[in-house]
Amino acid sequence: MKENIILLIGDKGFTMADAETQSVNEIIGNYKFVYKLNNAVLSGIKSGDKVKIWYKEILESFPAQINVLKIEKL
């Protein structure tokens, strides 16, 4: 969660330090598996939490956008 945008980063090497020191555009450019979450309700979820998501579709854009149906903290 950064700059009012919710990103899901699936790269194993991504850390909280990366999230804190890089802009949204840097994160999108530096990592392979970056998704912008649309319609996500983040009750009790904060930056850095691992989550499981249910979604309806993934839009082919850059970065890919996911229309979230449900999100659950792991």
PDB file of N, CA and C in Angstrom:
ATOM      1  N   MET A   1       0.854  -1.166   0.000  1.00  0.00           N
ATOM      2  CA  MET A   1       0.000   0.000   0.000  1.00  0.00           C
ATOM      3  C   MET A   1       0.895   1.223   0.000  1.00  0.00           C
ATOM      4  N   LYS A   2       0.856   1.943  -1.115  1.00  0.00           N
ATOM      5  CA  LYS A   2       1.747   3.090  -1.240  1.00  0.00           C
ATOM      6  C   LYS A   2       1.125   4.081  -2.206  1.00  0.00           C
ATOM      7  N   GLU A   3       1.179   5.352  -1.857  1.00  0.00           N
ATOM      8  CA  GLU A   3       0.661   6.412  -2.715  1.00  0.00           C
ATOM      9  C   GLU A   3      -0.789   6.145  -3.123  1.00  0.00           C
ATOM     10  N   ASN A   4      -1.597   5.651  -2.183  1.00  0.00           N
ATOM     11  CA  ASN A   4      -3.005   5.319  -2.398  1.00  0.00           C
ATOM     12  C   ASN A   4      -3.222   4.245  -3.457  1.00  0.00           C
ATOM     13  N   ILE A   5      -2.212   3.421  -3.686  1.00  0.00           N
ATOM     14  CA  ILE A   5      -2.298   2.304  -4.626  1.00  0.00           C
ATOM     15  C   ILE A   5      -1.962   1.035  -3.851  1.00  0.00           C
ATOM     16  N   ILE A   6      -2.736  -0.015  -4.109  1.00  0.00           N
ATOM     17  CA  ILE A   6      -2.482  -1.293  -3.451  1.00  0.00           C
ATOM     18  C   ILE A   6      -1.831  -2.222  -4.460  1.00  0.00           C
ATOM     19  N   LEU A   7      -0.601  -2.641  -4.169  1.00  0.00           N
ATOM     20  CA  LEU A   7       0.134  -3.534  -5.054  1.00  0.00           C
ATOM     21  C   LEU A   7       0.338  -4.883  -4.383  1.00  0.00           C
ATOM     22  N   LEU A   8       0.242  -5.932  -5.179  1.00  0.00           N
ATOM     23  CA  LEU A   8       0.579  -7.276  -4.737  1.00  0.00           C
ATOM     24  C   LEU A   8       1.862  -7.642  -5.464  1.00  0.00           C
ATOM     25  N   ILE A   9       2.931  -7.932  -4.725  1.00  0.00           N
ATOM     26  CA  ILE A   9       4.216  -8.278  -5.317  1.00  0.00           C
ATOM     27  C   ILE A   9       4.487  -9.745  -5.022  1.00  0.00           C
ATOM     28  N   GLY A  10       4.653 -10.528  -6.082  1.00  0.00           N
ATOM     29  CA  GLY A  10       4.847 -11.972  -5.935  1.00  0.00           C
ATOM     30  C   GLY A  10       6.300 -12.402  -5.994  1.00  0.00           C
ATOM     31  N   ASP A  11       7.229 -11.483  -6.149  1.00  0.00           N
ATOM     32  CA  ASP A  11       8.649 -11.828  -6.220  1.00  0.00           C
ATOM     33  C   ASP A  11       9.158 -12.219  -4.842  1.00  0.00           C
ATOM     34  N   LYS A  12       9.899 -13.323  -4.762  1.00  0.00           N
ATOM     35  CA  LYS A  12      10.407 -13.814  -3.480  1.00  0.00           C
ATOM     36  C   LYS A  12      11.428 -12.875  -2.854  1.00  0.00           C
ATOM     37  N   GLY A  13      12.164 -12.111  -3.651  1.00  0.00           N
ATOM     38  CA  GLY A  13      13.201 -11.242  -3.121  1.00  0.00           C
ATOM     39  C   GLY A  13      12.704  -9.891  -2.622  1.00  0.00           C
ATOM     40  N   PHE A  14      11.415  -9.626  -2.738  1.00  0.00           N
ATOM     41  CA  PHE A  14      10.861  -8.338  -2.328  1.00  0.00           C
ATOM     42  C   PHE A  14      10.797  -8.261  -0.804  1.00  0.00           C
ATOM     43  N   THR A  15      11.246  -7.130  -0.243  1.00  0.00           N
ATOM     44  CA  THR A  15      11.259  -6.962   1.214  1.00  0.00           C
ATOM     45  C   THR A  15      10.523  -5.684   1.614  1.00  0.00           C
ATOM     46  N   MET A  16      10.247  -5.553   2.892  1.00  0.00           N
ATOM     47  CA  MET A  16       9.627  -4.322   3.404  1.00  0.00           C
ATOM     48  C   MET A  16      10.538  -3.121   3.166  1.00  0.00           C
ATOM     49  N   ALA A  17      11.839  -3.328   3.245  1.00  0.00           N
ATOM     50  CA  ALA A  17      12.780  -2.236   2.972  1.00  0.00           C
ATOM     51  C   ALA A  17      12.616  -1.747   1.538  1.00  0.00           C
ATOM     52  N   ASP A  18      12.410  -2.671   0.602  1.00  0.00           N
ATOM     53  CA  ASP A  18      12.165  -2.290  -0.786  1.00  0.00           C
ATOM     54  C   ASP A  18      10.893  -1.442  -0.882  1.00  0.00           C
ATOM     55  N   ALA A  19       9.852  -1.854  -0.194  1.00  0.00           N
ATOM     56  CA  ALA A  19       8.573  -1.137  -0.222  1.00  0.00           C
ATOM     57  C   ALA A  19       8.717   0.273   0.343  1.00  0.00           C
ATOM     58  N   GLU A  20       9.523   0.414   1.368  1.00  0.00           N
ATOM     59  CA  GLU A  20       9.666   1.707   2.034  1.00  0.00           C
ATOM     60  C   GLU A  20      10.564   2.679   1.276  1.00  0.00           C
ATOM     61  N   THR A  21      11.523   2.156   0.515  1.00  0.00           N
ATOM     62  CA  THR A  21      12.507   3.028  -0.120  1.00  0.00           C
ATOM     63  C   THR A  21      12.253   3.284  -1.598  1.00  0.00           C
ATOM     64  N   GLN A  22      11.336   2.537  -2.224  1.00  0.00           N
ATOM     65  CA  GLN A  22      11.089   2.691  -3.652  1.00  0.00           C
ATOM     66  C   GLN A  22       9.702   3.283  -3.903  1.00  0.00           C
ATOM     67  N   SER A  23       9.596   4.050  -4.976  1.00  0.00           N
ATOM     68  CA  SER A  23       8.296   4.586  -5.380  1.00  0.00           C
ATOM     69  C   SER A  23       7.489   3.482  -6.059  1.00  0.00           C
ATOM     70  N   VAL A  24       6.225   3.741  -6.286  1.00  0.00           N
ATOM     71  CA  VAL A  24       5.372   2.777  -6.985  1.00  0.00           C
ATOM     72  C   VAL A  24       5.955   2.460  -8.360  1.00  0.00           C
ATOM     73  N   ASN A  25       6.378   3.480  -9.093  1.00  0.00           N
ATOM     74  CA  ASN A  25       6.946   3.258 -10.427  1.00  0.00           C
ATOM     75  C   ASN A  25       8.230   2.437 -10.372  1.00  0.00           C
ATOM     76  N   GLU A  26       9.058   2.654  -9.359  1.00  0.00           N
ATOM     77  CA  GLU A  26      10.287   1.857  -9.216  1.00  0.00           C
ATOM     78  C   GLU A  26       9.941   0.402  -8.921  1.00  0.00           C
ATOM     79  N   ILE A  27       8.979   0.172  -8.053  1.00  0.00           N
ATOM     80  CA  ILE A  27       8.569  -1.194  -7.724  1.00  0.00           C
ATOM     81  C   ILE A  27       8.054  -1.887  -8.977  1.00  0.00           C
ATOM     82  N   ILE A  28       7.204  -1.205  -9.742  1.00  0.00           N
ATOM     83  CA  ILE A  28       6.654  -1.791 -10.973  1.00  0.00           C
ATOM     84  C   ILE A  28       7.775  -2.121 -11.954  1.00  0.00           C
ATOM     85  N   GLY A  29       8.782  -1.259 -12.052  1.00  0.00           N
ATOM     86  CA  GLY A  29       9.877  -1.485 -12.989  1.00  0.00           C
ATOM     87  C   GLY A  29      10.905  -2.497 -12.530  1.00  0.00           C
ATOM     88  N   ASN A  30      11.053  -2.682 -11.219  1.00  0.00           N
ATOM     89  CA  ASN A  30      12.120  -3.535 -10.685  1.00  0.00           C
ATOM     90  C   ASN A  30      11.711  -4.978 -10.416  1.00  0.00           C
ATOM     91  N   TYR A  31      10.427  -5.275 -10.414  1.00  0.00           N
ATOM     92  CA  TYR A  31       9.981  -6.620 -10.056  1.00  0.00           C
ATOM     93  C   TYR A  31       9.105  -7.203 -11.157  1.00  0.00           C
ATOM     94  N   LYS A  32       9.141  -8.514 -11.273  1.00  0.00           N
ATOM     95  CA  LYS A  32       8.455  -9.206 -12.373  1.00  0.00           C
ATOM     96  C   LYS A  32       6.972  -9.438 -12.094  1.00  0.00           C
ATOM     97  N   PHE A  33       6.627  -9.825 -10.883  1.00  0.00           N
ATOM     98  CA  PHE A  33       5.258 -10.195 -10.547  1.00  0.00           C
ATOM     99  C   PHE A  33       4.597  -9.112  -9.691  1.00  0.00           C
ATOM    100  N   VAL A  34       4.154  -8.040 -10.347  1.00  0.00           N
ATOM    101  CA  VAL A  34       3.524  -6.913  -9.666  1.00  0.00           C
ATOM    102  C   VAL A  34       2.104  -6.770 -10.203  1.00  0.00           C
ATOM    103  N   TYR A  35       1.147  -6.712  -9.294  1.00  0.00           N
ATOM    104  CA  TYR A  35      -0.257  -6.591  -9.668  1.00  0.00           C
ATOM    105  C   TYR A  35      -0.888  -5.453  -8.877  1.00  0.00           C
ATOM    106  N   LYS A  36      -1.682  -4.644  -9.545  1.00  0.00           N
ATOM    107  CA  LYS A  36      -2.434  -3.590  -8.879  1.00  0.00           C
ATOM    108  C   LYS A  36      -3.789  -4.175  -8.501  1.00  0.00           C
ATOM    109  N   LEU A  37      -4.148  -4.082  -7.217  1.00  0.00           N
ATOM    110  CA  LEU A  37      -5.405  -4.648  -6.745  1.00  0.00           C
ATOM    111  C   LEU A  37      -6.502  -3.598  -6.802  1.00  0.00           C
ATOM    112  N   ASN A  38      -7.575  -3.912  -7.494  1.00  0.00           N
ATOM    113  CA  ASN A  38      -8.745  -3.042  -7.579  1.00  0.00           C
ATOM    114  C   ASN A  38      -9.847  -3.618  -6.703  1.00  0.00           C
ATOM    115  N   ASN A  39     -10.644  -2.770  -6.096  1.00  0.00           N
ATOM    116  CA  ASN A  39     -11.800  -3.180  -5.285  1.00  0.00           C
ATOM    117  C   ASN A  39     -11.412  -3.953  -4.035  1.00  0.00           C
ATOM    118  N   ALA A  40     -10.182  -3.845  -3.576  1.00  0.00           N
ATOM    119  CA  ALA A  40      -9.738  -4.593  -2.396  1.00  0.00           C
ATOM    120  C   ALA A  40     -10.135  -3.856  -1.121  1.00  0.00           C
ATOM    121  N   VAL A  41     -10.765  -4.576  -0.201  1.00  0.00           N
ATOM    122  CA  VAL A  41     -11.098  -4.039   1.118  1.00  0.00           C
ATOM    123  C   VAL A  41     -10.081  -4.614   2.087  1.00  0.00           C
ATOM    124  N   LEU A  42      -9.280  -3.754   2.705  1.00  0.00           N
ATOM    125  CA  LEU A  42      -8.130  -4.207   3.489  1.00  0.00           C
ATOM    126  C   LEU A  42      -8.361  -4.107   4.991  1.00  0.00           C
ATOM    127  N   SER A  43      -9.395  -4.682   5.460  1.00  0.00           N
ATOM    128  CA  SER A  43      -9.689  -4.675   6.887  1.00  0.00           C
ATOM    129  C   SER A  43      -8.672  -5.534   7.640  1.00  0.00           C
ATOM    130  N   GLY A  44      -7.881  -4.906   8.502  1.00  0.00           N
ATOM    131  CA  GLY A  44      -6.908  -5.631   9.311  1.00  0.00           C
ATOM    132  C   GLY A  44      -5.650  -6.041   8.568  1.00  0.00           C
ATOM    133  N   ILE A  45      -5.448  -5.555   7.360  1.00  0.00           N
ATOM    134  CA  ILE A  45      -4.268  -5.899   6.566  1.00  0.00           C
ATOM    135  C   ILE A  45      -3.414  -4.647   6.413  1.00  0.00           C
ATOM    136  N   LYS A  46      -2.076  -4.836   6.599  1.00  0.00           N
ATOM    137  CA  LYS A  46      -1.156  -3.705   6.458  1.00  0.00           C
ATOM    138  C   LYS A  46      -0.045  -4.078   5.480  1.00  0.00           C
ATOM    139  N   SER A  47       0.707  -3.088   5.067  1.00  0.00           N
ATOM    140  CA  SER A  47       1.818  -3.326   4.140  1.00  0.00           C
ATOM    141  C   SER A  47       2.745  -4.390   4.698  1.00  0.00           C
ATOM    142  N   GLY A  48       3.152  -5.304   3.842  1.00  0.00           N
ATOM    143  CA  GLY A  48       4.070  -6.368   4.232  1.00  0.00           C
ATOM    144  C   GLY A  48       3.399  -7.661   4.621  1.00  0.00           C
ATOM    145  N   ASP A  49       2.083  -7.639   4.863  1.00  0.00           N
ATOM    146  CA  ASP A  49       1.371  -8.871   5.214  1.00  0.00           C
ATOM    147  C   ASP A  49       1.287  -9.788   4.003  1.00  0.00           C
ATOM    148  N   LYS A  50       1.342 -11.076   4.252  1.00  0.00           N
ATOM    149  CA  LYS A  50       1.104 -12.063   3.203  1.00  0.00           C
ATOM    150  C   LYS A  50      -0.388 -12.302   3.151  1.00  0.00           C
ATOM    151  N   VAL A  51      -0.923 -12.360   1.926  1.00  0.00           N
ATOM    152  CA  VAL A  51      -2.362 -12.481   1.754  1.00  0.00           C
ATOM    153  C   VAL A  51      -2.705 -13.545   0.718  1.00  0.00           C
ATOM    154  N   LYS A  52      -3.932 -13.996   0.790  1.00  0.00           N
ATOM    155  CA  LYS A  52      -4.514 -14.874  -0.215  1.00  0.00           C
ATOM    156  C   LYS A  52      -5.655 -14.079  -0.833  1.00  0.00           C
ATOM    157  N   ILE A  53      -5.746 -14.091  -2.173  1.00  0.00           N
ATOM    158  CA  ILE A  53      -6.808 -13.329  -2.809  1.00  0.00           C
ATOM    159  C   ILE A  53      -7.660 -14.214  -3.711  1.00  0.00           C
ATOM    160  N   TRP A  54      -8.919 -13.843  -3.809  1.00  0.00           N
ATOM    161  CA  TRP A  54      -9.847 -14.434  -4.765  1.00  0.00           C
ATOM    162  C   TRP A  54     -10.150 -13.324  -5.752  1.00  0.00           C
ATOM    163  N   TYR A  55     -10.193 -13.661  -7.019  1.00  0.00           N
ATOM    164  CA  TYR A  55     -10.404 -12.618  -8.012  1.00  0.00           C
ATOM    165  C   TYR A  55     -11.259 -13.126  -9.166  1.00  0.00           C
ATOM    166  N   LYS A  56     -11.825 -12.178  -9.884  1.00  0.00           N
ATOM    167  CA  LYS A  56     -12.677 -12.494 -11.014  1.00  0.00           C
ATOM    168  C   LYS A  56     -11.875 -12.525 -12.307  1.00  0.00           C
ATOM    169  N   GLU A  57     -10.987 -11.559 -12.476  1.00  0.00           N
ATOM    170  CA  GLU A  57     -10.205 -11.486 -13.707  1.00  0.00           C
ATOM    171  C   GLU A  57      -8.914 -10.717 -13.463  1.00  0.00           C
ATOM    172  N   ILE A  58      -7.958 -10.960 -14.348  1.00  0.00           N
ATOM    173  CA  ILE A  58      -6.715 -10.193 -14.367  1.00  0.00           C
ATOM    174  C   ILE A  58      -6.695  -9.438 -15.683  1.00  0.00           C
ATOM    175  N   LEU A  59      -6.633  -8.120 -15.606  1.00  0.00           N
ATOM    176  CA  LEU A  59      -6.619  -7.291 -16.805  1.00  0.00           C
ATOM    177  C   LEU A  59      -5.213  -7.223 -17.369  1.00  0.00           C
ATOM    178  N   GLU A  60      -5.084  -7.355 -18.667  1.00  0.00           N
ATOM    179  CA  GLU A  60      -3.788  -7.323 -19.327  1.00  0.00           C
ATOM    180  C   GLU A  60      -3.351  -5.876 -19.532  1.00  0.00           C
ATOM    181  N   SER A  61      -2.751  -5.328 -18.513  1.00  0.00           N
ATOM    182  CA  SER A  61      -2.230  -3.966 -18.551  1.00  0.00           C
ATOM    183  C   SER A  61      -0.853  -4.001 -17.920  1.00  0.00           C
ATOM    184  N   PHE A  62      -0.214  -2.859 -17.800  1.00  0.00           N
ATOM    185  CA  PHE A  62       1.075  -2.820 -17.128  1.00  0.00           C
ATOM    186  C   PHE A  62       1.036  -1.747 -16.057  1.00  0.00           C
ATOM    187  N   PRO A  63       1.090  -2.135 -14.779  1.00  0.00           N
ATOM    188  CA  PRO A  63       1.105  -3.524 -14.322  1.00  0.00           C
ATOM    189  C   PRO A  63      -0.278  -4.149 -14.486  1.00  0.00           C
ATOM    190  N   ALA A  64      -0.305  -5.464 -14.425  1.00  0.00           N
ATOM    191  CA  ALA A  64      -1.579  -6.172 -14.498  1.00  0.00           C
ATOM    192  C   ALA A  64      -2.480  -5.702 -13.359  1.00  0.00           C
ATOM    193  N   GLN A  65      -3.776  -5.630 -13.624  1.00  0.00           N
ATOM    194  CA  GLN A  65      -4.733  -5.215 -12.595  1.00  0.00           C
ATOM    195  C   GLN A  65      -5.653  -6.390 -12.289  1.00  0.00           C
ATOM    196  N   ILE A  66      -5.890  -6.605 -11.005  1.00  0.00           N
ATOM    197  CA  ILE A  66      -6.725  -7.712 -10.558  1.00  0.00           C
ATOM    198  C   ILE A  66      -7.966  -7.146  -9.902  1.00  0.00           C
ATOM    199  N   ASN A  67      -9.143  -7.567 -10.376  1.00  0.00           N
ATOM    200  CA  ASN A  67     -10.400  -7.192  -9.734  1.00  0.00           C
ATOM    201  C   ASN A  67     -10.670  -8.177  -8.611  1.00  0.00           C
ATOM    202  N   VAL A  68     -10.421  -7.740  -7.401  1.00  0.00           N
ATOM    203  CA  VAL A  68     -10.460  -8.598  -6.219  1.00  0.00           C
ATOM    204  C   VAL A  68     -11.896  -8.848  -5.752  1.00  0.00           C
ATOM    205  N   LEU A  69     -12.197 -10.114  -5.469  1.00  0.00           N
ATOM    206  CA  LEU A  69     -13.481 -10.481  -4.875  1.00  0.00           C
ATOM    207  C   LEU A  69     -13.357 -10.588  -3.356  1.00  0.00           C
ATOM    208  N   LYS A  70     -12.236 -11.142  -2.898  1.00  0.00           N
ATOM    209  CA  LYS A  70     -12.016 -11.353  -1.463  1.00  0.00           C
ATOM    210  C   LYS A  70     -10.519 -11.359  -1.204  1.00  0.00           C
ATOM    211  N   ILE A  71     -10.129 -10.848  -0.048  1.00  0.00           N
ATOM    212  CA  ILE A  71      -8.719 -10.885   0.351  1.00  0.00           C
ATOM    213  C   ILE A  71      -8.652 -11.325   1.806  1.00  0.00           C
ATOM    214  N   GLU A  72      -7.709 -12.217   2.089  1.00  0.00           N
ATOM    215  CA  GLU A  72      -7.586 -12.794   3.437  1.00  0.00           C
ATOM    216  C   GLU A  72      -6.119 -12.775   3.861  1.00  0.00           C
ATOM    217  N   LYS A  73      -5.870 -12.298   5.063  1.00  0.00           N
ATOM    218  CA  LYS A  73      -4.507 -12.295   5.611  1.00  0.00           C
ATOM    219  C   LYS A  73      -4.128 -13.720   5.992  1.00  0.00           C
ATOM    220  N   LEU A  74      -2.906 -14.123   5.640  1.00  0.00           N
ATOM    221  CA  LEU A  74      -2.414 -15.468   5.990  1.00  0.00           C
ATOM    222  C   LEU A  74      -1.762 -15.471   7.351  1.00  0.00           C
TER     223      LEU A  74
END
